[in-house]
N, C-alpha and C. Protein backbone atom coordinates (compact mmCIF):
# COMPACT_ATOMS: atom_id res chain seq x y z
N MET A 1 183.07 20.18 -150.48
CA MET A 1 184.41 20.43 -149.90
C MET A 1 185.19 21.37 -150.81
N ASN A 2 185.70 22.48 -150.27
CA ASN A 2 186.39 23.44 -151.12
C ASN A 2 187.82 23.01 -151.38
N ARG A 3 188.49 23.79 -152.21
CA ARG A 3 189.84 23.44 -152.66
C ARG A 3 190.83 23.47 -151.50
N THR A 4 190.63 24.41 -150.56
CA THR A 4 191.56 24.52 -149.44
C THR A 4 191.52 23.28 -148.57
N SER A 5 190.32 22.76 -148.31
CA SER A 5 190.19 21.57 -147.48
C SER A 5 190.67 20.33 -148.17
N GLN A 6 190.75 20.35 -149.50
CA GLN A 6 191.22 19.19 -150.25
C GLN A 6 192.74 19.16 -150.34
N SER A 7 193.39 20.28 -150.14
CA SER A 7 194.83 20.32 -150.30
C SER A 7 195.51 19.65 -149.12
N ILE A 8 196.81 19.38 -149.28
CA ILE A 8 197.59 18.72 -148.24
C ILE A 8 198.65 19.69 -147.76
N PRO A 9 198.41 20.38 -146.68
CA PRO A 9 199.41 21.33 -146.19
C PRO A 9 200.69 20.64 -145.80
N ARG A 10 201.75 21.41 -145.66
CA ARG A 10 203.05 20.83 -145.36
C ARG A 10 203.04 20.10 -144.01
N ALA A 11 202.27 20.60 -143.05
CA ALA A 11 202.31 20.01 -141.72
C ALA A 11 201.38 18.81 -141.59
N ARG A 12 200.52 18.56 -142.56
CA ARG A 12 199.53 17.49 -142.44
C ARG A 12 200.07 16.20 -143.02
N ARG A 13 199.83 15.10 -142.32
CA ARG A 13 200.23 13.80 -142.80
C ARG A 13 199.22 13.29 -143.82
N LEU A 14 199.62 12.31 -144.60
CA LEU A 14 198.71 11.70 -145.55
C LEU A 14 197.64 10.92 -144.83
N THR A 15 196.47 10.82 -145.45
CA THR A 15 195.42 10.00 -144.89
C THR A 15 195.80 8.53 -145.08
N ARG A 16 195.06 7.65 -144.41
CA ARG A 16 195.36 6.22 -144.53
C ARG A 16 195.24 5.75 -145.97
N GLY A 17 194.20 6.20 -146.67
CA GLY A 17 194.02 5.81 -148.06
C GLY A 17 195.15 6.30 -148.94
N GLN A 18 195.61 7.53 -148.70
CA GLN A 18 196.72 8.09 -149.48
C GLN A 18 198.03 7.36 -149.17
N ARG A 19 198.26 7.03 -147.90
CA ARG A 19 199.47 6.29 -147.53
C ARG A 19 199.49 4.92 -148.20
N THR A 20 198.33 4.26 -148.22
CA THR A 20 198.24 2.94 -148.86
C THR A 20 198.52 3.03 -150.36
N ALA A 21 197.90 4.03 -151.00
CA ALA A 21 198.09 4.20 -152.43
C ALA A 21 199.54 4.54 -152.75
N TYR A 22 200.14 5.37 -151.91
CA TYR A 22 201.52 5.80 -152.14
C TYR A 22 202.48 4.63 -152.01
N ALA A 23 202.45 3.94 -150.87
CA ALA A 23 203.40 2.85 -150.62
C ALA A 23 203.21 1.70 -151.60
N SER A 24 201.96 1.35 -151.88
CA SER A 24 201.71 0.21 -152.76
C SER A 24 202.08 0.54 -154.21
N SER A 25 201.83 1.77 -154.64
CA SER A 25 202.15 2.12 -156.03
C SER A 25 203.65 2.20 -156.26
N VAL A 26 204.38 2.80 -155.31
CA VAL A 26 205.84 2.84 -155.43
C VAL A 26 206.43 1.44 -155.45
N THR A 27 205.95 0.58 -154.55
CA THR A 27 206.45 -0.79 -154.48
C THR A 27 206.09 -1.59 -155.73
N PHE A 28 204.87 -1.38 -156.23
CA PHE A 28 204.46 -2.10 -157.44
C PHE A 28 205.32 -1.70 -158.62
N LEU A 29 205.56 -0.40 -158.77
CA LEU A 29 206.40 0.07 -159.88
C LEU A 29 207.79 -0.51 -159.77
N ALA A 30 208.37 -0.47 -158.56
CA ALA A 30 209.72 -1.02 -158.36
C ALA A 30 209.74 -2.51 -158.67
N THR A 31 208.72 -3.24 -158.27
CA THR A 31 208.65 -4.68 -158.52
C THR A 31 208.66 -4.98 -160.01
N CYS A 32 207.85 -4.25 -160.76
CA CYS A 32 207.81 -4.46 -162.22
C CYS A 32 209.14 -4.13 -162.86
N LEU A 33 209.79 -3.05 -162.41
CA LEU A 33 211.07 -2.67 -163.00
C LEU A 33 212.16 -3.67 -162.62
N GLY A 34 212.14 -4.17 -161.40
CA GLY A 34 213.10 -5.20 -161.00
C GLY A 34 212.93 -6.47 -161.81
N PHE A 35 211.70 -6.88 -162.02
CA PHE A 35 211.39 -8.05 -162.84
C PHE A 35 211.88 -7.83 -164.27
N THR A 36 211.58 -6.66 -164.79
CA THR A 36 211.96 -6.33 -166.16
C THR A 36 213.47 -6.31 -166.35
N ALA A 37 214.18 -5.77 -165.38
CA ALA A 37 215.63 -5.65 -165.48
C ALA A 37 216.30 -7.01 -165.64
N VAL A 38 215.76 -8.03 -164.98
CA VAL A 38 216.34 -9.38 -165.12
C VAL A 38 216.11 -9.91 -166.53
N LEU A 39 214.93 -9.72 -167.06
CA LEU A 39 214.65 -10.20 -168.42
C LEU A 39 215.57 -9.52 -169.43
N ILE A 40 215.81 -8.24 -169.23
CA ILE A 40 216.72 -7.50 -170.12
C ILE A 40 218.15 -8.02 -169.96
N SER A 41 218.55 -8.29 -168.72
CA SER A 41 219.92 -8.76 -168.48
C SER A 41 220.20 -10.09 -169.16
N PHE A 42 219.20 -10.94 -169.26
CA PHE A 42 219.38 -12.22 -169.94
C PHE A 42 219.53 -12.01 -171.45
N LEU A 43 218.83 -11.02 -171.98
CA LEU A 43 218.97 -10.71 -173.40
C LEU A 43 220.35 -10.10 -173.66
N VAL A 44 220.75 -9.17 -172.79
CA VAL A 44 222.05 -8.52 -172.96
C VAL A 44 223.19 -9.53 -172.85
N GLY A 45 223.01 -10.52 -171.96
CA GLY A 45 224.06 -11.51 -171.74
C GLY A 45 224.02 -12.70 -172.68
N THR A 46 223.29 -12.59 -173.76
CA THR A 46 223.23 -13.68 -174.74
C THR A 46 224.63 -14.00 -175.26
N VAL A 47 224.94 -15.28 -175.34
CA VAL A 47 226.25 -15.70 -175.82
C VAL A 47 226.49 -15.13 -177.23
N PRO A 48 227.67 -14.56 -177.48
CA PRO A 48 227.97 -14.03 -178.82
C PRO A 48 227.73 -15.08 -179.90
N ARG A 49 227.35 -14.59 -181.05
CA ARG A 49 227.06 -15.40 -182.24
C ARG A 49 225.71 -16.11 -182.15
N LEU A 50 225.00 -15.94 -181.02
CA LEU A 50 223.65 -16.48 -180.92
C LEU A 50 222.64 -15.33 -181.04
N GLU A 51 221.51 -15.63 -181.63
CA GLU A 51 220.47 -14.62 -181.79
C GLU A 51 219.78 -14.38 -180.45
N PRO A 52 219.70 -13.12 -179.96
CA PRO A 52 218.99 -12.85 -178.71
C PRO A 52 217.54 -13.32 -178.79
N ALA A 53 217.06 -13.95 -177.73
CA ALA A 53 215.68 -14.46 -177.71
C ALA A 53 215.13 -14.32 -176.30
N HIS A 54 213.83 -14.11 -176.22
CA HIS A 54 213.17 -13.99 -174.93
C HIS A 54 213.18 -15.34 -174.20
N LEU A 55 213.24 -15.28 -172.87
CA LEU A 55 213.12 -16.49 -172.07
C LEU A 55 211.71 -17.06 -172.20
N GLU A 56 211.59 -18.36 -172.01
CA GLU A 56 210.26 -18.97 -171.96
C GLU A 56 209.55 -18.52 -170.69
N PHE A 57 208.28 -18.87 -170.58
CA PHE A 57 207.46 -18.36 -169.48
C PHE A 57 208.00 -18.72 -168.11
N ALA A 58 208.25 -20.01 -167.88
CA ALA A 58 208.71 -20.44 -166.55
C ALA A 58 210.03 -19.80 -166.15
N PRO A 59 211.07 -19.82 -166.99
CA PRO A 59 212.31 -19.14 -166.61
C PRO A 59 212.13 -17.65 -166.39
N SER A 60 211.27 -17.03 -167.19
CA SER A 60 211.02 -15.59 -167.00
C SER A 60 210.46 -15.30 -165.62
N VAL A 61 209.50 -16.10 -165.19
CA VAL A 61 208.89 -15.89 -163.88
C VAL A 61 209.87 -16.19 -162.76
N ILE A 62 210.58 -17.31 -162.88
CA ILE A 62 211.46 -17.75 -161.79
C ILE A 62 212.66 -16.81 -161.64
N PHE A 63 213.31 -16.48 -162.75
CA PHE A 63 214.47 -15.60 -162.66
C PHE A 63 214.03 -14.15 -162.44
N GLY A 64 212.93 -13.75 -163.07
CA GLY A 64 212.44 -12.40 -162.87
C GLY A 64 212.03 -12.13 -161.44
N ALA A 65 211.61 -13.20 -160.74
CA ALA A 65 211.21 -13.04 -159.34
C ALA A 65 212.38 -12.56 -158.48
N ALA A 66 213.60 -12.92 -158.85
CA ALA A 66 214.78 -12.45 -158.10
C ALA A 66 214.88 -10.92 -158.17
N GLY A 67 214.70 -10.37 -159.35
CA GLY A 67 214.72 -8.92 -159.49
C GLY A 67 213.55 -8.26 -158.80
N ALA A 68 212.38 -8.90 -158.88
CA ALA A 68 211.20 -8.35 -158.22
C ALA A 68 211.38 -8.31 -156.71
N LEU A 69 211.92 -9.39 -156.13
CA LEU A 69 212.13 -9.43 -154.68
C LEU A 69 213.18 -8.42 -154.25
N ALA A 70 214.24 -8.27 -155.08
CA ALA A 70 215.26 -7.27 -154.76
C ALA A 70 214.67 -5.87 -154.73
N ALA A 71 213.79 -5.57 -155.70
CA ALA A 71 213.17 -4.25 -155.75
C ALA A 71 212.23 -4.04 -154.57
N ILE A 72 211.48 -5.06 -154.21
CA ILE A 72 210.56 -4.95 -153.07
C ILE A 72 211.35 -4.67 -151.80
N ALA A 73 212.47 -5.36 -151.63
CA ALA A 73 213.29 -5.20 -150.42
C ALA A 73 213.76 -3.76 -150.26
N MET A 74 213.95 -3.05 -151.36
CA MET A 74 214.38 -1.66 -151.29
C MET A 74 213.20 -0.69 -151.23
N ALA A 75 212.22 -0.88 -152.07
CA ALA A 75 211.15 0.11 -152.22
C ALA A 75 210.12 0.07 -151.11
N ALA A 76 209.77 -1.13 -150.65
CA ALA A 76 208.69 -1.23 -149.65
C ALA A 76 208.99 -0.48 -148.36
N PRO A 77 210.13 -0.71 -147.71
CA PRO A 77 210.37 0.03 -146.45
C PRO A 77 210.53 1.53 -146.64
N VAL A 78 211.16 1.94 -147.74
CA VAL A 78 211.35 3.38 -147.97
C VAL A 78 210.01 4.07 -148.22
N SER A 79 209.19 3.48 -149.08
CA SER A 79 207.88 4.10 -149.37
C SER A 79 206.98 4.10 -148.14
N TYR A 80 207.10 3.07 -147.31
CA TYR A 80 206.30 3.01 -146.08
C TYR A 80 206.69 4.13 -145.13
N MET A 81 208.00 4.34 -144.96
CA MET A 81 208.47 5.39 -144.06
C MET A 81 208.11 6.78 -144.59
N LEU A 82 208.29 6.99 -145.90
CA LEU A 82 207.95 8.29 -146.47
C LEU A 82 206.44 8.54 -146.40
N GLY A 83 205.66 7.48 -146.52
CA GLY A 83 204.21 7.63 -146.47
C GLY A 83 203.70 8.07 -145.11
N LYS A 84 204.50 7.88 -144.07
CA LYS A 84 204.10 8.33 -142.74
C LYS A 84 204.16 9.85 -142.60
N GLY A 85 204.96 10.46 -143.44
CA GLY A 85 205.09 11.91 -143.39
C GLY A 85 204.62 12.56 -144.66
N ARG A 86 205.51 13.30 -145.29
CA ARG A 86 205.16 14.01 -146.52
C ARG A 86 206.17 13.64 -147.59
N PRO A 87 205.76 12.91 -148.63
CA PRO A 87 206.68 12.54 -149.71
C PRO A 87 207.35 13.76 -150.31
N PRO A 88 208.61 13.66 -150.68
CA PRO A 88 209.36 14.81 -151.20
C PRO A 88 208.86 15.26 -152.57
N ARG A 89 208.82 16.56 -152.78
CA ARG A 89 208.45 17.11 -154.07
C ARG A 89 209.66 17.33 -154.97
N ASN A 90 210.81 17.69 -154.38
CA ASN A 90 211.94 18.11 -155.18
C ASN A 90 212.56 16.92 -155.94
N TRP A 91 212.99 17.20 -157.15
CA TRP A 91 213.50 16.14 -158.01
C TRP A 91 214.85 15.63 -157.53
N GLN A 92 215.59 16.41 -156.77
CA GLN A 92 216.91 15.98 -156.32
C GLN A 92 216.82 14.72 -155.45
N VAL A 93 215.86 14.71 -154.53
CA VAL A 93 215.68 13.54 -153.67
C VAL A 93 215.31 12.33 -154.51
N CYS A 94 214.43 12.53 -155.47
CA CYS A 94 214.01 11.42 -156.35
C CYS A 94 215.18 10.92 -157.20
N PHE A 95 216.04 11.84 -157.62
CA PHE A 95 217.21 11.46 -158.41
C PHE A 95 218.16 10.59 -157.58
N VAL A 96 218.40 11.02 -156.34
CA VAL A 96 219.31 10.26 -155.47
C VAL A 96 218.74 8.87 -155.17
N TRP A 97 217.45 8.81 -154.89
CA TRP A 97 216.83 7.52 -154.61
C TRP A 97 216.83 6.63 -155.86
N GLY A 98 216.61 7.21 -157.02
CA GLY A 98 216.68 6.44 -158.25
C GLY A 98 218.08 5.92 -158.50
N LEU A 99 219.10 6.75 -158.23
CA LEU A 99 220.48 6.32 -158.40
C LEU A 99 220.82 5.17 -157.45
N ALA A 100 220.41 5.30 -156.20
CA ALA A 100 220.65 4.24 -155.22
C ALA A 100 219.94 2.96 -155.63
N PHE A 101 218.72 3.09 -156.11
CA PHE A 101 217.95 1.93 -156.56
C PHE A 101 218.67 1.23 -157.71
N GLY A 102 219.16 2.02 -158.66
CA GLY A 102 219.84 1.45 -159.81
C GLY A 102 221.15 0.78 -159.46
N LEU A 103 221.87 1.31 -158.47
CA LEU A 103 223.14 0.72 -158.07
C LEU A 103 222.94 -0.55 -157.26
N LEU A 104 221.93 -0.57 -156.41
CA LEU A 104 221.71 -1.71 -155.53
C LEU A 104 220.91 -2.84 -156.17
N LEU A 105 220.10 -2.51 -157.17
CA LEU A 105 219.26 -3.54 -157.80
C LEU A 105 220.07 -4.72 -158.32
N PRO A 106 221.12 -4.53 -159.13
CA PRO A 106 221.88 -5.70 -159.59
C PRO A 106 222.64 -6.41 -158.47
N VAL A 107 223.03 -5.67 -157.44
CA VAL A 107 223.75 -6.29 -156.32
C VAL A 107 222.86 -7.31 -155.60
N ILE A 108 221.65 -6.88 -155.26
CA ILE A 108 220.73 -7.77 -154.52
C ILE A 108 220.19 -8.85 -155.45
N THR A 109 219.89 -8.48 -156.69
CA THR A 109 219.39 -9.47 -157.64
C THR A 109 220.41 -10.58 -157.86
N GLY A 110 221.67 -10.19 -158.05
CA GLY A 110 222.71 -11.19 -158.25
C GLY A 110 222.85 -12.15 -157.10
N ALA A 111 222.62 -11.66 -155.87
CA ALA A 111 222.69 -12.51 -154.70
C ALA A 111 221.52 -13.49 -154.62
N LEU A 112 220.39 -13.11 -155.21
CA LEU A 112 219.19 -13.97 -155.16
C LEU A 112 219.12 -14.97 -156.31
N LEU A 113 219.83 -14.70 -157.39
CA LEU A 113 219.72 -15.57 -158.58
C LEU A 113 220.16 -17.02 -158.34
N PRO A 114 221.19 -17.31 -157.51
CA PRO A 114 221.51 -18.72 -157.26
C PRO A 114 220.32 -19.50 -156.69
N SER A 115 219.51 -18.86 -155.87
CA SER A 115 218.30 -19.53 -155.36
C SER A 115 217.30 -19.75 -156.49
N SER A 116 217.23 -18.80 -157.43
CA SER A 116 216.33 -18.98 -158.57
C SER A 116 216.77 -20.16 -159.43
N VAL A 117 218.08 -20.37 -159.54
CA VAL A 117 218.59 -21.51 -160.30
C VAL A 117 218.14 -22.82 -159.65
N VAL A 118 218.15 -22.87 -158.33
CA VAL A 118 217.68 -24.07 -157.62
C VAL A 118 216.20 -24.32 -157.92
N VAL A 119 215.40 -23.26 -157.85
CA VAL A 119 213.97 -23.40 -158.15
C VAL A 119 213.77 -23.84 -159.60
N MET A 120 214.58 -23.29 -160.51
CA MET A 120 214.50 -23.68 -161.92
C MET A 120 214.84 -25.15 -162.11
N ASP A 121 215.89 -25.61 -161.43
CA ASP A 121 216.26 -27.03 -161.53
C ASP A 121 215.18 -27.93 -160.97
N TRP A 122 214.54 -27.50 -159.88
CA TRP A 122 213.43 -28.27 -159.33
C TRP A 122 212.26 -28.29 -160.31
N ASN A 123 211.98 -27.17 -160.94
CA ASN A 123 210.89 -27.10 -161.92
C ASN A 123 211.13 -28.03 -163.10
N ARG A 124 212.40 -28.23 -163.43
CA ARG A 124 212.75 -29.12 -164.54
C ARG A 124 213.01 -30.56 -164.10
N ASP A 125 212.69 -30.85 -162.84
CA ASP A 125 212.86 -32.19 -162.28
C ASP A 125 214.32 -32.63 -162.26
N LEU A 126 215.23 -31.66 -162.18
CA LEU A 126 216.65 -32.00 -162.09
C LEU A 126 217.06 -32.31 -160.66
N ILE A 127 216.31 -31.80 -159.69
CA ILE A 127 216.53 -32.15 -158.29
C ILE A 127 215.19 -32.47 -157.66
N PRO A 128 215.14 -33.45 -156.71
CA PRO A 128 213.87 -33.79 -156.07
C PRO A 128 213.44 -32.70 -155.10
N ALA A 129 212.18 -32.72 -154.74
CA ALA A 129 211.65 -31.72 -153.82
C ALA A 129 212.37 -31.78 -152.46
N GLY A 130 212.72 -33.01 -152.05
CA GLY A 130 213.40 -33.16 -150.77
C GLY A 130 214.79 -32.56 -150.75
N GLY A 131 215.38 -32.39 -151.93
CA GLY A 131 216.72 -31.83 -151.99
C GLY A 131 216.76 -30.32 -152.13
N VAL A 132 215.60 -29.70 -152.27
CA VAL A 132 215.55 -28.24 -152.46
C VAL A 132 216.10 -27.48 -151.27
N PRO A 133 215.73 -27.81 -150.01
CA PRO A 133 216.27 -27.04 -148.89
C PRO A 133 217.79 -27.02 -148.81
N SER A 134 218.42 -28.18 -149.01
CA SER A 134 219.89 -28.23 -148.95
C SER A 134 220.51 -27.47 -150.12
N GLU A 135 219.88 -27.54 -151.29
CA GLU A 135 220.40 -26.80 -152.44
C GLU A 135 220.25 -25.30 -152.25
N LEU A 136 219.15 -24.89 -151.63
CA LEU A 136 218.97 -23.47 -151.34
C LEU A 136 220.01 -22.97 -150.34
N LEU A 137 220.35 -23.82 -149.38
CA LEU A 137 221.38 -23.45 -148.42
C LEU A 137 222.73 -23.31 -149.13
N SER A 138 223.03 -24.24 -150.02
CA SER A 138 224.28 -24.16 -150.78
C SER A 138 224.32 -22.92 -151.65
N ALA A 139 223.16 -22.52 -152.15
CA ALA A 139 223.09 -21.34 -153.03
C ALA A 139 223.50 -20.08 -152.28
N GLN A 140 223.28 -20.04 -150.97
CA GLN A 140 223.65 -18.84 -150.21
C GLN A 140 225.16 -18.62 -150.19
N PHE A 141 225.92 -19.71 -150.28
CA PHE A 141 227.38 -19.56 -150.29
C PHE A 141 227.88 -19.06 -151.65
N ARG A 142 227.08 -19.27 -152.68
CA ARG A 142 227.45 -18.77 -154.00
C ARG A 142 226.96 -17.35 -154.24
N ALA A 143 226.10 -16.85 -153.35
CA ALA A 143 225.46 -15.54 -153.55
C ALA A 143 226.45 -14.39 -153.64
N PRO A 144 227.47 -14.28 -152.76
CA PRO A 144 228.37 -13.11 -152.84
C PRO A 144 229.11 -13.01 -154.17
N LEU A 145 229.68 -14.13 -154.62
CA LEU A 145 230.42 -14.11 -155.89
C LEU A 145 229.49 -13.84 -157.05
N ASN A 146 228.31 -14.46 -157.04
CA ASN A 146 227.36 -14.25 -158.13
C ASN A 146 226.89 -12.80 -158.15
N SER A 147 226.74 -12.21 -156.97
CA SER A 147 226.33 -10.80 -156.90
C SER A 147 227.37 -9.91 -157.54
N PHE A 148 228.64 -10.18 -157.26
CA PHE A 148 229.73 -9.38 -157.83
C PHE A 148 229.76 -9.51 -159.35
N VAL A 149 229.67 -10.75 -159.84
CA VAL A 149 229.73 -10.98 -161.30
C VAL A 149 228.52 -10.36 -162.00
N TYR A 150 227.34 -10.60 -161.44
CA TYR A 150 226.11 -10.09 -162.07
C TYR A 150 226.12 -8.56 -162.10
N THR A 151 226.58 -7.95 -161.01
CA THR A 151 226.63 -6.49 -160.96
C THR A 151 227.61 -5.92 -161.98
N SER A 152 228.77 -6.55 -162.10
CA SER A 152 229.77 -6.06 -163.05
C SER A 152 229.27 -6.14 -164.49
N LEU A 153 228.42 -7.10 -164.77
CA LEU A 153 227.91 -7.27 -166.13
C LEU A 153 226.65 -6.44 -166.40
N ASN A 154 225.94 -6.05 -165.36
CA ASN A 154 224.64 -5.42 -165.56
C ASN A 154 224.50 -4.07 -164.85
N ILE A 155 225.61 -3.43 -164.54
CA ILE A 155 225.53 -2.15 -163.86
C ILE A 155 224.85 -1.09 -164.74
N THR A 156 225.11 -1.13 -166.06
CA THR A 156 224.47 -0.16 -166.95
C THR A 156 222.96 -0.36 -166.99
N THR A 157 222.54 -1.62 -167.09
CA THR A 157 221.10 -1.91 -167.07
C THR A 157 220.47 -1.44 -165.78
N GLY A 158 221.17 -1.69 -164.66
CA GLY A 158 220.65 -1.24 -163.37
C GLY A 158 220.48 0.26 -163.30
N LEU A 159 221.45 1.00 -163.80
CA LEU A 159 221.37 2.46 -163.76
C LEU A 159 220.25 2.98 -164.67
N ILE A 160 220.03 2.34 -165.81
CA ILE A 160 218.94 2.76 -166.68
C ILE A 160 217.60 2.59 -165.98
N PHE A 161 217.42 1.43 -165.34
CA PHE A 161 216.16 1.21 -164.63
C PHE A 161 216.07 2.04 -163.36
N GLY A 162 217.22 2.39 -162.79
CA GLY A 162 217.21 3.31 -161.67
C GLY A 162 216.72 4.69 -162.08
N ALA A 163 217.12 5.13 -163.26
CA ALA A 163 216.65 6.42 -163.78
C ALA A 163 215.14 6.40 -164.02
N VAL A 164 214.66 5.29 -164.60
CA VAL A 164 213.22 5.16 -164.83
C VAL A 164 212.47 5.17 -163.50
N PHE A 165 213.00 4.44 -162.54
CA PHE A 165 212.35 4.40 -161.22
C PHE A 165 212.36 5.77 -160.56
N GLY A 166 213.49 6.48 -160.65
CA GLY A 166 213.57 7.81 -160.05
C GLY A 166 212.54 8.76 -160.65
N LEU A 167 212.38 8.70 -161.98
CA LEU A 167 211.37 9.54 -162.63
C LEU A 167 209.97 9.13 -162.21
N GLY A 168 209.72 7.83 -162.19
CA GLY A 168 208.40 7.36 -161.78
C GLY A 168 208.11 7.70 -160.33
N PHE A 169 209.13 7.61 -159.48
CA PHE A 169 208.99 7.96 -158.07
C PHE A 169 208.61 9.43 -157.93
N TRP A 170 209.23 10.30 -158.72
CA TRP A 170 208.91 11.72 -158.68
C TRP A 170 207.46 11.97 -159.10
N VAL A 171 207.02 11.31 -160.16
CA VAL A 171 205.64 11.48 -160.63
C VAL A 171 204.64 11.02 -159.57
N ILE A 172 204.92 9.86 -158.95
CA ILE A 172 204.02 9.34 -157.92
C ILE A 172 203.95 10.31 -156.74
N ASN A 173 205.10 10.88 -156.36
CA ASN A 173 205.10 11.87 -155.28
C ASN A 173 204.20 13.06 -155.62
N ARG A 174 204.33 13.57 -156.84
CA ARG A 174 203.53 14.71 -157.25
C ARG A 174 202.04 14.36 -157.27
N LEU A 175 201.71 13.19 -157.75
CA LEU A 175 200.30 12.79 -157.77
C LEU A 175 199.75 12.61 -156.37
N THR A 176 200.56 12.05 -155.48
CA THR A 176 200.12 11.84 -154.09
C THR A 176 199.84 13.15 -153.40
N LEU A 177 200.61 14.19 -153.73
CA LEU A 177 200.45 15.49 -153.09
C LEU A 177 199.53 16.42 -153.86
N ALA A 178 198.80 15.89 -154.84
CA ALA A 178 197.87 16.71 -155.61
C ALA A 178 196.76 17.25 -154.73
N ALA A 179 196.24 18.43 -155.09
CA ALA A 179 195.18 19.05 -154.29
C ALA A 179 193.89 18.24 -154.34
N ASN A 180 193.62 17.62 -155.46
CA ASN A 180 192.40 16.82 -155.60
C ASN A 180 192.59 15.46 -154.93
N LEU A 181 191.71 15.11 -154.00
CA LEU A 181 191.87 13.89 -153.23
C LEU A 181 191.72 12.64 -154.10
N ALA A 182 190.88 12.70 -155.11
CA ALA A 182 190.73 11.55 -156.00
C ALA A 182 192.02 11.28 -156.77
N VAL A 183 192.66 12.36 -157.23
CA VAL A 183 193.92 12.22 -157.94
C VAL A 183 195.00 11.67 -157.01
N SER A 184 195.05 12.19 -155.77
CA SER A 184 196.09 11.75 -154.84
C SER A 184 195.91 10.31 -154.40
N ARG A 185 194.68 9.80 -154.44
CA ARG A 185 194.45 8.42 -154.00
C ARG A 185 194.58 7.42 -155.15
N TYR A 186 194.05 7.76 -156.32
CA TYR A 186 194.03 6.81 -157.43
C TYR A 186 195.09 7.07 -158.50
N GLY A 187 195.53 8.32 -158.61
CA GLY A 187 196.53 8.66 -159.61
C GLY A 187 197.80 7.88 -159.50
N PRO A 188 198.40 7.71 -158.30
CA PRO A 188 199.63 6.95 -158.19
C PRO A 188 199.48 5.51 -158.67
N TRP A 189 198.37 4.87 -158.34
CA TRP A 189 198.17 3.49 -158.76
C TRP A 189 198.02 3.38 -160.28
N ILE A 190 197.24 4.28 -160.86
CA ILE A 190 197.04 4.24 -162.31
C ILE A 190 198.37 4.43 -163.03
N PHE A 191 199.15 5.40 -162.58
CA PHE A 191 200.45 5.65 -163.20
C PHE A 191 201.38 4.47 -163.03
N ALA A 192 201.50 3.96 -161.80
CA ALA A 192 202.41 2.84 -161.53
C ALA A 192 202.03 1.60 -162.33
N PHE A 193 200.73 1.31 -162.42
CA PHE A 193 200.30 0.13 -163.17
C PHE A 193 200.59 0.31 -164.66
N THR A 194 200.34 1.50 -165.17
CA THR A 194 200.56 1.74 -166.60
C THR A 194 202.04 1.62 -166.96
N LEU A 195 202.90 2.29 -166.20
CA LEU A 195 204.33 2.24 -166.48
C LEU A 195 204.90 0.85 -166.22
N GLY A 196 204.52 0.23 -165.12
CA GLY A 196 205.05 -1.09 -164.78
C GLY A 196 204.62 -2.14 -165.78
N ALA A 197 203.35 -2.16 -166.14
CA ALA A 197 202.86 -3.14 -167.10
C ALA A 197 203.49 -2.95 -168.47
N THR A 198 203.70 -1.69 -168.84
CA THR A 198 204.35 -1.41 -170.12
C THR A 198 205.77 -1.93 -170.14
N ALA A 199 206.50 -1.73 -169.05
CA ALA A 199 207.88 -2.21 -168.97
C ALA A 199 207.96 -3.72 -169.07
N VAL A 200 207.11 -4.41 -168.34
CA VAL A 200 207.11 -5.88 -168.36
C VAL A 200 206.71 -6.39 -169.75
N SER A 201 205.73 -5.76 -170.36
CA SER A 201 205.28 -6.19 -171.68
C SER A 201 206.38 -6.01 -172.73
N LEU A 202 207.06 -4.87 -172.68
CA LEU A 202 208.13 -4.63 -173.65
C LEU A 202 209.27 -5.61 -173.46
N ALA A 203 209.62 -5.89 -172.20
CA ALA A 203 210.71 -6.84 -171.94
C ALA A 203 210.33 -8.25 -172.34
N SER A 204 209.06 -8.58 -172.29
CA SER A 204 208.60 -9.94 -172.60
C SER A 204 208.35 -10.16 -174.08
N TYR A 205 207.90 -9.12 -174.77
CA TYR A 205 207.48 -9.30 -176.16
C TYR A 205 208.12 -8.32 -177.14
N GLY A 206 208.91 -7.38 -176.62
CA GLY A 206 209.53 -6.39 -177.50
C GLY A 206 210.63 -7.00 -178.37
N PRO A 207 211.12 -6.27 -179.39
CA PRO A 207 212.17 -6.77 -180.27
C PRO A 207 213.47 -7.02 -179.50
N PRO A 208 213.96 -8.25 -179.45
CA PRO A 208 215.16 -8.56 -178.65
C PRO A 208 216.38 -7.74 -179.04
N ASP A 209 216.58 -7.53 -180.35
CA ASP A 209 217.75 -6.78 -180.80
C ASP A 209 217.76 -5.36 -180.21
N ALA A 210 216.60 -4.74 -180.18
CA ALA A 210 216.52 -3.37 -179.65
C ALA A 210 216.70 -3.37 -178.14
N LEU A 211 216.17 -4.38 -177.45
CA LEU A 211 216.26 -4.42 -175.99
C LEU A 211 217.68 -4.66 -175.51
N THR A 212 218.48 -5.34 -176.32
CA THR A 212 219.87 -5.60 -175.90
C THR A 212 220.69 -4.32 -175.77
N ARG A 213 220.19 -3.22 -176.34
CA ARG A 213 220.91 -1.94 -176.23
C ARG A 213 220.76 -1.31 -174.86
N LEU A 214 219.94 -1.92 -174.00
CA LEU A 214 219.73 -1.38 -172.65
C LEU A 214 220.76 -1.91 -171.67
N GLY A 215 221.84 -2.46 -172.17
CA GLY A 215 222.86 -2.99 -171.27
C GLY A 215 224.24 -2.89 -171.89
């Protein structure tokens, strides 16, 4: 197959394999960054006069899931729709999407965190399993206020991760539209996994004092 047949002309849609790689890699990267942003926000919000410390495993997963779900809610439908056509090459579109991601991430995450608190209380046997549904319902009434407070405290962190996502989104777009079909199919996943795993690892095991500067 020659180079011309391997390229992706402007009028041609992505193949099924390329669409899958594109949508899944963008969503995976967003999920990791959303998860990471919550871990950072807990470090940034450490009570004054206390030494910043990483969350234990269970709280990290439970609270981090709120950020991951918030990121999925934004990235999955957008990447799916873009994958039906031709992902944008220009950095301006990626910048705007990264900015929107950064602004909305703390808003949606803050609304989901009251439900995470319920799951955390159940995990610690503070509420019985039978009481979880009613507590989750009550958590929805606390979601708007918690979203406002969480956003006001973590807007800087959200914008930083929005910038990272925007840059990563641009790289994934470029890899998806590469002339080489192997690069366009596997490159986005390799990049998304590398960047996403690095972000989660740094937030989980990196120096807390340095990480608190991200908020």
